[in-house]
Amino acid sequence: MVNAQAGGQWYPPEWPERIRALADGGLTPAVPRRAATVMLLKDTGDGPAVHMLRRRTSMAFAGGAYAYPGGGVDPRDDDRHVRWAGPTRAWWADRLGVDGTDAQAIVCAAVRETYEEAGVLLAGPTPDSVVGDTTGEDWEADRAALVARETSFAEFLDRRGLVLRSDLLGAWTRWITPEFEPRRYDTWFFVAALPEGQRTRNASTEADRTVWITPRGAAAAYDRGELLMMPPTIATLRQLTAYGAAAEALDAAPARDLTPVLATARLVEGEIVLSWPGHDEFTKHIPTGGAPA
């Protein structure tokens, strides 16, 4: 069950109660799980379009909301034997603000989840190439084995003779799920361009629909209340509207600020004020006994 406030903003009805419990000291915040998500872009006549999926309404977290391919880090994403191309793990550690092991795990999760949920693989047989069509039955068997955690991404790359192309990713932003949420994620958002010869498909069991849509079109649909989204999704869509091509967004990524965005909740004159630093459009004023305004 979700509520939509202010356009299509995802808003769980249990948040006010959990915010009050946190303020009263009755709620211990869960430890955020490392995660990665990828804004996959392709150029169209109307500018770049982004690949989005709609989470099934039955999902416990953000059911019915539009999002990008992504998910939590698999513990085996830390494997030091992952075949790697592009900037070094040390470079990524500096860029993401973590140590080298975490950096590899986050980048690996971004590439693996994009393959698992969209069928798009940012890897190639050499450091300067990328695989083509990945829709065959043998590819699908490999993808299903990754989803089922029957094989690790490192093992998959080794068997296929592929290297992960970390240079095809651009780190864009970082959001941490609020402390009052029972399921928390520390999520790094990346941008990437759809490789030539590859195509997306709805490969995720968590999604009931996928679309290619321009960031401007998606943001307008959100504003009309037609598309439900979480704050980081609509925030990143608005940021992407500034770019006229996928390459422009990728070129802009290295200068992006990766300071984590974490929602705060405070009591002010008898109401709860929920806010996301730097993103005033998501501020909510919640009466102590009512719904948000």
C-alpha atoms as a PDB file:
ATOM      1  CA  MET A   1       0.000   0.000   0.000  1.00  0.00           C
ATOM      2  CA  VAL A   2       1.396   3.400  -0.946  1.00  0.00           C
ATOM      3  CA  ASN A   3       0.064   6.896  -0.936  1.00  0.00           C
ATOM      4  CA  ALA A   4       0.910   9.537  -3.535  1.00  0.00           C
ATOM      5  CA  GLN A   5       1.415  13.065  -2.303  1.00  0.00           C
ATOM      6  CA  ALA A   6       2.396  16.147  -4.341  1.00  0.00           C
ATOM      7  CA  GLY A   7       2.099  14.739  -7.821  1.00  0.00           C
ATOM      8  CA  GLY A   8       3.329  11.175  -7.946  1.00  0.00           C
ATOM      9  CA  GLN A   9       5.584  11.133  -4.897  1.00  0.00           C
ATOM     10  CA  TRP A  10       5.710   7.744  -3.228  1.00  0.00           C
ATOM     11  CA  TYR A  11       4.610   8.066   0.383  1.00  0.00           C
ATOM     12  CA  PRO A  12       3.945   5.031   2.632  1.00  0.00           C
ATOM     13  CA  PRO A  13       1.024   5.578   5.042  1.00  0.00           C
ATOM     14  CA  GLU A  14       3.016   4.113   7.948  1.00  0.00           C
ATOM     15  CA  TRP A  15       5.714   6.792   7.786  1.00  0.00           C
ATOM     16  CA  PRO A  16       4.188   9.262  10.297  1.00  0.00           C
ATOM     17  CA  GLU A  17       3.930   6.585  12.983  1.00  0.00           C
ATOM     18  CA  ARG A  18       7.471   5.401  12.365  1.00  0.00           C
ATOM     19  CA  ILE A  19       8.810   8.976  12.350  1.00  0.00           C
ATOM     20  CA  ARG A  20       7.183   9.606  15.736  1.00  0.00           C
ATOM     21  CA  ALA A  21       8.654   6.376  17.095  1.00  0.00           C
ATOM     22  CA  LEU A  22      12.106   7.415  15.907  1.00  0.00           C
ATOM     23  CA  ALA A  23      11.743  10.861  17.493  1.00  0.00           C
ATOM     24  CA  ASP A  24      10.609   9.272  20.767  1.00  0.00           C
ATOM     25  CA  GLY A  25      13.528   6.863  20.864  1.00  0.00           C
ATOM     26  CA  GLY A  26      11.335   3.836  20.324  1.00  0.00           C
ATOM     27  CA  LEU A  27      12.736   2.904  16.939  1.00  0.00           C
ATOM     28  CA  THR A  28      16.260   1.670  16.238  1.00  0.00           C
ATOM     29  CA  PRO A  29      17.273   2.512  12.655  1.00  0.00           C
ATOM     30  CA  ALA A  30      18.128  -0.451  10.461  1.00  0.00           C
ATOM     31  CA  VAL A  31      21.621  -0.578   8.976  1.00  0.00           C
ATOM     32  CA  PRO A  32      21.483   0.467   5.296  1.00  0.00           C
ATOM     33  CA  ARG A  33      22.374  -2.187   2.765  1.00  0.00           C
ATOM     34  CA  ARG A  34      24.775  -1.193  -0.028  1.00  0.00           C
ATOM     35  CA  ALA A  35      22.999  -0.935  -3.374  1.00  0.00           C
ATOM     36  CA  ALA A  36      23.425   0.412  -6.886  1.00  0.00           C
ATOM     37  CA  THR A  37      21.041   1.508  -9.615  1.00  0.00           C
ATOM     38  CA  VAL A  38      21.670   2.516 -13.228  1.00  0.00           C
ATOM     39  CA  MET A  39      19.981   5.194 -15.331  1.00  0.00           C
ATOM     40  CA  LEU A  40      20.367   3.526 -18.705  1.00  0.00           C
ATOM     41  CA  LEU A  41      20.144   6.078 -21.531  1.00  0.00           C
ATOM     42  CA  LYS A  42      19.693   5.951 -25.295  1.00  0.00           C
ATOM     43  CA  ASP A  43      19.453   8.804 -27.777  1.00  0.00           C
ATOM     44  CA  THR A  44      16.177   9.523 -29.577  1.00  0.00           C
ATOM     45  CA  GLY A  45      14.862  12.272 -31.822  1.00  0.00           C
ATOM     46  CA  ASP A  46      13.566  14.006 -28.690  1.00  0.00           C
ATOM     47  CA  GLY A  47      16.829  13.731 -26.780  1.00  0.00           C
ATOM     48  CA  PRO A  48      17.977  10.954 -24.461  1.00  0.00           C
ATOM     49  CA  ALA A  49      15.421   8.494 -23.104  1.00  0.00           C
ATOM     50  CA  VAL A  50      15.884   6.553 -19.874  1.00  0.00           C
ATOM     51  CA  HIS A  51      14.890   2.952 -19.231  1.00  0.00           C
ATOM     52  CA  MET A  52      12.469   2.617 -16.314  1.00  0.00           C
ATOM     53  CA  LEU A  53      10.559  -0.259 -14.778  1.00  0.00           C
ATOM     54  CA  ARG A  54       7.387  -0.256 -12.703  1.00  0.00           C
ATOM     55  CA  ARG A  55       7.643  -2.251  -9.511  1.00  0.00           C
ATOM     56  CA  ARG A  56       4.823  -4.722  -8.954  1.00  0.00           C
ATOM     57  CA  THR A  57       2.156  -3.395  -6.597  1.00  0.00           C
ATOM     58  CA  SER A  58       2.668  -6.505  -4.465  1.00  0.00           C
ATOM     59  CA  MET A  59       6.237  -5.461  -3.628  1.00  0.00           C
ATOM     60  CA  ALA A  60       6.750  -4.593   0.030  1.00  0.00           C
ATOM     61  CA  PHE A  61       9.074  -1.693  -0.859  1.00  0.00           C
ATOM     62  CA  ALA A  62       7.800   0.984  -3.254  1.00  0.00           C
ATOM     63  CA  GLY A  63       5.207  -1.230  -4.929  1.00  0.00           C
ATOM     64  CA  GLY A  64       3.742   0.460  -8.031  1.00  0.00           C
ATOM     65  CA  ALA A  65       6.553   3.017  -8.223  1.00  0.00           C
ATOM     66  CA  TYR A  66       8.693   3.605 -11.307  1.00  0.00           C
ATOM     67  CA  ALA A  67      12.418   3.088 -10.808  1.00  0.00           C
ATOM     68  CA  TYR A  68      15.633   2.165 -12.611  1.00  0.00           C
ATOM     69  CA  PRO A  69      17.263  -1.276 -12.792  1.00  0.00           C
ATOM     70  CA  GLY A  70      19.185  -1.889  -9.605  1.00  0.00           C
ATOM     71  CA  GLY A  71      19.403  -3.695  -6.311  1.00  0.00           C
ATOM     72  CA  GLY A  72      21.494  -4.673  -3.348  1.00  0.00           C
ATOM     73  CA  VAL A  73      25.107  -5.791  -3.379  1.00  0.00           C
ATOM     74  CA  ASP A  74      25.655  -9.552  -3.514  1.00  0.00           C
ATOM     75  CA  PRO A  75      28.361 -10.448  -0.926  1.00  0.00           C
ATOM     76  CA  ARG A  76      30.274 -12.110  -3.782  1.00  0.00           C
ATOM     77  CA  ASP A  77      30.464  -8.783  -5.619  1.00  0.00           C
ATOM     78  CA  ASP A  78      33.456  -8.193  -3.314  1.00  0.00           C
ATOM     79  CA  ASP A  79      35.329 -11.028  -5.076  1.00  0.00           C
ATOM     80  CA  ARG A  80      38.820  -9.797  -5.944  1.00  0.00           C
ATOM     81  CA  HIS A  81      38.848 -12.047  -9.027  1.00  0.00           C
ATOM     82  CA  VAL A  82      36.236 -10.017 -10.900  1.00  0.00           C
ATOM     83  CA  ARG A  83      37.648  -9.368 -14.395  1.00  0.00           C
ATOM     84  CA  TRP A  84      37.926  -5.589 -14.622  1.00  0.00           C
ATOM     85  CA  ALA A  85      38.470  -2.860 -17.212  1.00  0.00           C
ATOM     86  CA  GLY A  86      38.356   0.920 -16.997  1.00  0.00           C
ATOM     87  CA  PRO A  87      39.297   3.102 -14.022  1.00  0.00           C
ATOM     88  CA  THR A  88      41.006   1.173 -11.242  1.00  0.00           C
ATOM     89  CA  ARG A  89      39.347   0.065  -8.025  1.00  0.00           C
ATOM     90  CA  ALA A  90      41.393   2.745  -6.235  1.00  0.00           C
ATOM     91  CA  TRP A  91      40.008   5.397  -8.599  1.00  0.00           C
ATOM     92  CA  TRP A  92      36.463   4.213  -7.949  1.00  0.00           C
ATOM     93  CA  ALA A  93      37.109   4.104  -4.199  1.00  0.00           C
ATOM     94  CA  ASP A  94      38.078   7.771  -4.287  1.00  0.00           C
ATOM     95  CA  ARG A  95      35.111   8.669  -6.500  1.00  0.00           C
ATOM     96  CA  LEU A  96      32.508   6.795  -4.421  1.00  0.00           C
ATOM     97  CA  GLY A  97      33.954   7.692  -1.016  1.00  0.00           C
ATOM     98  CA  VAL A  98      34.499   4.098   0.103  1.00  0.00           C
ATOM     99  CA  ASP A  99      37.376   1.605   0.286  1.00  0.00           C
ATOM    100  CA  GLY A 100      38.538  -0.457  -2.665  1.00  0.00           C
ATOM    101  CA  THR A 101      36.572  -3.569  -1.757  1.00  0.00           C
ATOM    102  CA  ASP A 102      33.321  -1.652  -1.378  1.00  0.00           C
ATOM    103  CA  ALA A 103      34.019   0.261  -4.583  1.00  0.00           C
ATOM    104  CA  GLN A 104      34.332  -2.954  -6.572  1.00  0.00           C
ATOM    105  CA  ALA A 105      31.196  -4.379  -4.958  1.00  0.00           C
ATOM    106  CA  ILE A 106      29.122  -1.276  -5.771  1.00  0.00           C
ATOM    107  CA  VAL A 107      30.300  -1.036  -9.386  1.00  0.00           C
ATOM    108  CA  CYS A 108      29.897  -4.783  -9.822  1.00  0.00           C
ATOM    109  CA  ALA A 109      26.362  -4.597  -8.392  1.00  0.00           C
ATOM    110  CA  ALA A 110      25.488  -1.817 -10.848  1.00  0.00           C
ATOM    111  CA  VAL A 111      26.601  -3.887 -13.850  1.00  0.00           C
ATOM    112  CA  ARG A 112      25.171  -7.174 -12.548  1.00  0.00           C
ATOM    113  CA  GLU A 113      21.763  -5.729 -11.629  1.00  0.00           C
ATOM    114  CA  THR A 114      21.451  -4.011 -15.008  1.00  0.00           C
ATOM    115  CA  TYR A 115      21.986  -7.370 -16.657  1.00  0.00           C
ATOM    116  CA  GLU A 116      19.640  -9.178 -14.264  1.00  0.00           C
ATOM    117  CA  GLU A 117      16.774  -6.685 -14.549  1.00  0.00           C
ATOM    118  CA  ALA A 118      17.152  -5.245 -18.044  1.00  0.00           C
ATOM    119  CA  GLY A 119      19.173  -7.855 -19.942  1.00  0.00           C
ATOM    120  CA  VAL A 120      21.860  -5.265 -20.738  1.00  0.00           C
ATOM    121  CA  LEU A 121      25.471  -6.197 -20.046  1.00  0.00           C
ATOM    122  CA  LEU A 122      28.221  -3.592 -19.635  1.00  0.00           C
ATOM    123  CA  ALA A 123      31.041  -6.028 -20.330  1.00  0.00           C
ATOM    124  CA  GLY A 124      33.116  -7.185 -23.275  1.00  0.00           C
ATOM    125  CA  PRO A 125      35.736  -9.706 -24.371  1.00  0.00           C
ATOM    126  CA  THR A 126      38.412  -6.986 -24.286  1.00  0.00           C
ATOM    127  CA  PRO A 127      38.842  -3.740 -22.326  1.00  0.00           C
ATOM    128  CA  ASP A 128      37.743  -1.699 -25.362  1.00  0.00           C
ATOM    129  CA  SER A 129      34.839  -3.812 -26.644  1.00  0.00           C
ATOM    130  CA  VAL A 130      31.335  -4.675 -25.475  1.00  0.00           C
ATOM    131  CA  VAL A 131      29.137  -7.692 -26.129  1.00  0.00           C
ATOM    132  CA  GLY A 132      26.331  -7.443 -28.682  1.00  0.00           C
ATOM    133  CA  ASP A 133      22.924  -9.144 -28.522  1.00  0.00           C
ATOM    134  CA  THR A 134      22.381 -10.902 -25.167  1.00  0.00           C
ATOM    135  CA  THR A 135      18.876 -12.258 -25.770  1.00  0.00           C
ATOM    136  CA  GLY A 136      19.716 -15.874 -26.694  1.00  0.00           C
ATOM    137  CA  GLU A 137      18.709 -18.891 -24.604  1.00  0.00           C
ATOM    138  CA  ASP A 138      22.256 -19.415 -23.343  1.00  0.00           C
ATOM    139  CA  TRP A 139      22.440 -15.811 -22.159  1.00  0.00           C
ATOM    140  CA  GLU A 140      19.054 -16.136 -20.494  1.00  0.00           C
ATOM    141  CA  ALA A 141      20.211 -19.256 -18.637  1.00  0.00           C
ATOM    142  CA  ASP A 142      23.221 -17.343 -17.329  1.00  0.00           C
ATOM    143  CA  ARG A 143      21.057 -14.402 -16.314  1.00  0.00           C
ATOM    144  CA  ALA A 144      18.637 -16.674 -14.448  1.00  0.00           C
ATOM    145  CA  ALA A 145      21.553 -18.326 -12.618  1.00  0.00           C
ATOM    146  CA  LEU A 146      22.760 -14.902 -11.481  1.00  0.00           C
ATOM    147  CA  VAL A 147      19.275 -13.919 -10.270  1.00  0.00           C
ATOM    148  CA  ALA A 148      18.990 -17.204  -8.340  1.00  0.00           C
ATOM    149  CA  ARG A 149      22.490 -16.608  -6.892  1.00  0.00           C
ATOM    150  CA  GLU A 150      23.548 -19.995  -8.251  1.00  0.00           C
ATOM    151  CA  THR A 151      26.637 -18.331  -9.684  1.00  0.00           C
ATOM    152  CA  SER A 152      28.567 -15.182  -8.871  1.00  0.00           C
ATOM    153  CA  PHE A 153      29.159 -12.364 -11.326  1.00  0.00           C
ATOM    154  CA  ALA A 154      32.904 -13.094 -11.207  1.00  0.00           C
ATOM    155  CA  GLU A 155      32.270 -16.723 -12.174  1.00  0.00           C
ATOM    156  CA  PHE A 156      29.920 -15.646 -14.961  1.00  0.00           C
ATOM    157  CA  LEU A 157      32.510 -13.254 -16.419  1.00  0.00           C
ATOM    158  CA  ASP A 158      35.285 -15.844 -16.165  1.00  0.00           C
ATOM    159  CA  ARG A 159      33.292 -18.532 -17.944  1.00  0.00           C
ATOM    160  CA  ARG A 160      32.261 -16.120 -20.694  1.00  0.00           C
ATOM    161  CA  GLY A 161      35.765 -14.678 -21.042  1.00  0.00           C
ATOM    162  CA  LEU A 162      34.464 -11.162 -20.374  1.00  0.00           C
ATOM    163  CA  VAL A 163      35.712  -8.128 -18.473  1.00  0.00           C
ATOM    164  CA  LEU A 164      33.497  -5.696 -16.587  1.00  0.00           C
ATOM    165  CA  ARG A 165      33.592  -2.298 -18.327  1.00  0.00           C
ATOM    166  CA  SER A 166      33.621   0.111 -15.396  1.00  0.00           C
ATOM    167  CA  ASP A 167      34.451   2.933 -17.828  1.00  0.00           C
ATOM    168  CA  LEU A 168      30.933   2.663 -19.281  1.00  0.00           C
ATOM    169  CA  LEU A 169      29.495   3.897 -15.973  1.00  0.00           C
ATOM    170  CA  GLY A 170      29.349   7.408 -14.549  1.00  0.00           C
ATOM    171  CA  ALA A 171      28.639   7.887 -10.837  1.00  0.00           C
ATOM    172  CA  TRP A 172      25.781  10.393 -10.541  1.00  0.00           C
ATOM    173  CA  THR A 173      24.439  10.709  -6.991  1.00  0.00           C
ATOM    174  CA  ARG A 174      24.011   8.854  -3.714  1.00  0.00           C
ATOM    175  CA  TRP A 175      20.872   8.541  -1.596  1.00  0.00           C
ATOM    176  CA  ILE A 176      20.371   6.784   1.738  1.00  0.00           C
ATOM    177  CA  THR A 177      16.937   5.520   2.757  1.00  0.00           C
ATOM    178  CA  PRO A 178      15.551   7.483   5.751  1.00  0.00           C
ATOM    179  CA  GLU A 179      16.266   6.143   9.224  1.00  0.00           C
ATOM    180  CA  PHE A 180      12.575   5.481   9.884  1.00  0.00           C
ATOM    181  CA  GLU A 181      12.231   3.030   6.966  1.00  0.00           C
ATOM    182  CA  PRO A 182      12.379  -0.672   7.907  1.00  0.00           C
ATOM    183  CA  ARG A 183      14.177  -1.524   4.639  1.00  0.00           C
ATOM    184  CA  ARG A 184      17.131   0.783   4.177  1.00  0.00           C
ATOM    185  CA  TYR A 185      19.582   1.121   1.301  1.00  0.00           C
ATOM    186  CA  ASP A 186      22.717   3.168   0.745  1.00  0.00           C
ATOM    187  CA  THR A 187      22.324   3.547  -3.007  1.00  0.00           C
ATOM    188  CA  TRP A 188      24.750   4.873  -5.591  1.00  0.00           C
ATOM    189  CA  PHE A 189      23.090   6.028  -8.828  1.00  0.00           C
ATOM    190  CA  PHE A 190      25.007   5.661 -12.089  1.00  0.00           C
ATOM    191  CA  VAL A 191      24.429   6.713 -15.693  1.00  0.00           C
ATOM    192  CA  ALA A 192      25.276   4.522 -18.690  1.00  0.00           C
ATOM    193  CA  ALA A 193      24.488   4.460 -22.395  1.00  0.00           C
ATOM    194  CA  LEU A 194      22.773   1.459 -23.972  1.00  0.00           C
ATOM    195  CA  PRO A 195      25.559  -0.441 -25.802  1.00  0.00           C
ATOM    196  CA  GLU A 196      25.204  -0.768 -29.567  1.00  0.00           C
ATOM    197  CA  GLY A 197      23.559  -4.051 -30.541  1.00  0.00           C
ATOM    198  CA  GLN A 198      21.944  -4.630 -27.158  1.00  0.00           C
ATOM    199  CA  ARG A 199      18.296  -4.132 -26.247  1.00  0.00           C
ATOM    200  CA  THR A 200      16.399  -3.976 -23.004  1.00  0.00           C
ATOM    201  CA  ARG A 201      13.613  -6.282 -21.939  1.00  0.00           C
ATOM    202  CA  ASN A 202      11.556  -6.785 -18.812  1.00  0.00           C
ATOM    203  CA  ALA A 203      13.759  -9.422 -17.231  1.00  0.00           C
ATOM    204  CA  SER A 204      12.845  -8.577 -13.637  1.00  0.00           C
ATOM    205  CA  THR A 205      10.381 -10.604 -11.586  1.00  0.00           C
ATOM    206  CA  GLU A 206       9.897  -7.447  -9.501  1.00  0.00           C
ATOM    207  CA  ALA A 207       8.518  -5.377 -12.404  1.00  0.00           C
ATOM    208  CA  ASP A 208       5.284  -5.615 -14.359  1.00  0.00           C
ATOM    209  CA  ARG A 209       6.157  -3.015 -17.000  1.00  0.00           C
ATOM    210  CA  THR A 210       9.179  -1.317 -18.558  1.00  0.00           C
ATOM    211  CA  VAL A 211       9.368   1.848 -20.647  1.00  0.00           C
ATOM    212  CA  TRP A 212      11.822   4.054 -22.498  1.00  0.00           C
ATOM    213  CA  ILE A 213      10.814   7.612 -21.676  1.00  0.00           C
ATOM    214  CA  THR A 214      12.481  11.005 -21.851  1.00  0.00           C
ATOM    215  CA  PRO A 215      13.346  12.459 -18.442  1.00  0.00           C
ATOM    216  CA  ARG A 216      11.237  15.514 -19.252  1.00  0.00           C
ATOM    217  CA  GLY A 217       8.247  13.347 -20.204  1.00  0.00           C
ATOM    218  CA  ALA A 218       8.597  11.211 -17.091  1.00  0.00           C
ATOM    219  CA  ALA A 219       8.871  14.265 -14.838  1.00  0.00           C
ATOM    220  CA  ALA A 220       5.767  15.800 -16.435  1.00  0.00           C
ATOM    221  CA  ALA A 221       3.833  12.568 -15.899  1.00  0.00           C
ATOM    222  CA  TYR A 222       4.966  12.544 -12.265  1.00  0.00           C
ATOM    223  CA  ASP A 223       3.801  16.145 -11.821  1.00  0.00           C
ATOM    224  CA  ARG A 224       0.375  15.152 -13.179  1.00  0.00           C
ATOM    225  CA  GLY A 225       0.201  12.278 -10.711  1.00  0.00           C
ATOM    226  CA  GLU A 226       0.323   9.690 -13.496  1.00  0.00           C
ATOM    227  CA  LEU A 227       3.649   8.067 -12.554  1.00  0.00           C
ATOM    228  CA  LEU A 228       4.457   7.158  -8.959  1.00  0.00           C
ATOM    229  CA  MET A 229       8.094   7.625  -7.928  1.00  0.00           C
ATOM    230  CA  MET A 230      10.338   7.821  -4.911  1.00  0.00           C
ATOM    231  CA  PRO A 231      12.150  11.140  -4.278  1.00  0.00           C
ATOM    232  CA  PRO A 232      15.556  10.046  -5.657  1.00  0.00           C
ATOM    233  CA  THR A 233      13.973   8.849  -8.892  1.00  0.00           C
ATOM    234  CA  ILE A 234      12.144  12.070  -9.733  1.00  0.00           C
ATOM    235  CA  ALA A 235      15.099  14.135  -8.496  1.00  0.00           C
ATOM    236  CA  THR A 236      17.507  12.402 -10.871  1.00  0.00           C
ATOM    237  CA  LEU A 237      15.030  12.644 -13.742  1.00  0.00           C
ATOM    238  CA  ARG A 238      14.839  16.407 -13.276  1.00  0.00           C
ATOM    239  CA  GLN A 239      18.645  16.562 -13.305  1.00  0.00           C
ATOM    240  CA  LEU A 240      18.825  14.577 -16.560  1.00  0.00           C
ATOM    241  CA  THR A 241      16.544  17.041 -18.390  1.00  0.00           C
ATOM    242  CA  ALA A 242      19.538  19.376 -18.772  1.00  0.00           C
ATOM    243  CA  TYR A 243      21.293  17.076 -21.265  1.00  0.00           C
ATOM    244  CA  GLY A 244      20.592  16.738 -24.970  1.00  0.00           C
ATOM    245  CA  ALA A 245      22.380  13.425 -25.476  1.00  0.00           C
ATOM    246  CA  ALA A 246      23.430  10.387 -23.458  1.00  0.00           C
ATOM    247  CA  ALA A 247      27.105  11.264 -23.983  1.00  0.00           C
ATOM    248  CA  GLU A 248      26.539  14.679 -22.427  1.00  0.00           C
ATOM    249  CA  ALA A 249      25.197  13.120 -19.227  1.00  0.00           C
ATOM    250  CA  LEU A 250      28.126  10.694 -19.077  1.00  0.00           C
ATOM    251  CA  ASP A 251      30.576  13.559 -19.586  1.00  0.00           C
ATOM    252  CA  ALA A 252      28.942  15.477 -16.731  1.00  0.00           C
ATOM    253  CA  ALA A 253      29.059  12.578 -14.271  1.00  0.00           C
ATOM    254  CA  PRO A 254      32.660  12.964 -12.989  1.00  0.00           C
ATOM    255  CA  ALA A 255      31.883  16.450 -11.642  1.00  0.00           C
ATOM    256  CA  ARG A 256      28.707  15.372  -9.833  1.00  0.00           C
ATOM    257  CA  ASP A 257      28.605  15.745  -6.035  1.00  0.00           C
ATOM    258  CA  LEU A 258      28.237  12.354  -4.321  1.00  0.00           C
ATOM    259  CA  THR A 259      27.520  13.692  -0.839  1.00  0.00           C
ATOM    260  CA  PRO A 260      24.786  11.347   0.466  1.00  0.00           C
ATOM    261  CA  VAL A 261      21.224  12.654   0.526  1.00  0.00           C
ATOM    262  CA  LEU A 262      19.472  11.504   3.704  1.00  0.00           C
ATOM    263  CA  ALA A 263      15.980  12.580   4.717  1.00  0.00           C
ATOM    264  CA  THR A 264      15.594  14.162   8.142  1.00  0.00           C
ATOM    265  CA  ALA A 265      12.499  14.328  10.333  1.00  0.00           C
ATOM    266  CA  ARG A 266      12.103  16.844  13.167  1.00  0.00           C
ATOM    267  CA  LEU A 267       9.314  18.053  15.437  1.00  0.00           C
ATOM    268  CA  VAL A 268       8.414  21.727  14.897  1.00  0.00           C
ATOM    269  CA  GLU A 269       5.502  23.359  16.732  1.00  0.00           C
ATOM    270  CA  GLY A 270       3.370  20.270  17.013  1.00  0.00           C
ATOM    271  CA  GLU A 271       4.060  18.811  13.577  1.00  0.00           C
ATOM    272  CA  ILE A 272       6.662  16.600  11.977  1.00  0.00           C
ATOM    273  CA  VAL A 273       8.689  18.237   9.213  1.00  0.00           C
ATOM    274  CA  LEU A 274      10.131  15.698   6.812  1.00  0.00           C
ATOM    275  CA  SER A 275      12.774  17.022   4.418  1.00  0.00           C
ATOM    276  CA  TRP A 276      15.489  15.943   2.014  1.00  0.00           C
ATOM    277  CA  PRO A 277      18.482  18.339   2.115  1.00  0.00           C
ATOM    278  CA  GLY A 278      18.833  20.174  -1.183  1.00  0.00           C
ATOM    279  CA  HIS A 279      15.457  18.967  -2.460  1.00  0.00           C
ATOM    280  CA  ASP A 280      12.787  21.301  -1.134  1.00  0.00           C
ATOM    281  CA  GLU A 281      10.034  19.899  -3.356  1.00  0.00           C
ATOM    282  CA  PHE A 282       9.836  16.777  -1.190  1.00  0.00           C
ATOM    283  CA  THR A 283       9.354  18.565   2.163  1.00  0.00           C
ATOM    284  CA  LYS A 284       6.324  17.282   4.072  1.00  0.00           C
ATOM    285  CA  HIS A 285       4.553  18.798   7.092  1.00  0.00           C
ATOM    286  CA  ILE A 286       2.836  16.071   9.074  1.00  0.00           C
ATOM    287  CA  PRO A 287       0.404  17.032  11.857  1.00  0.00           C
ATOM    288  CA  THR A 288       0.967  14.965  14.962  1.00  0.00           C
ATOM    289  CA  GLY A 289      -2.369  13.258  14.437  1.00  0.00           C
ATOM    290  CA  GLY A 290      -2.918  13.500  10.691  1.00  0.00           C
ATOM    291  CA  ALA A 291      -1.755  12.975   7.154  1.00  0.00           C
ATOM    292  CA  PRO A 292       1.028  14.889   5.413  1.00  0.00           C
ATOM    293  CA  ALA A 293       0.433  18.168   3.641  1.00  0.00           C
END
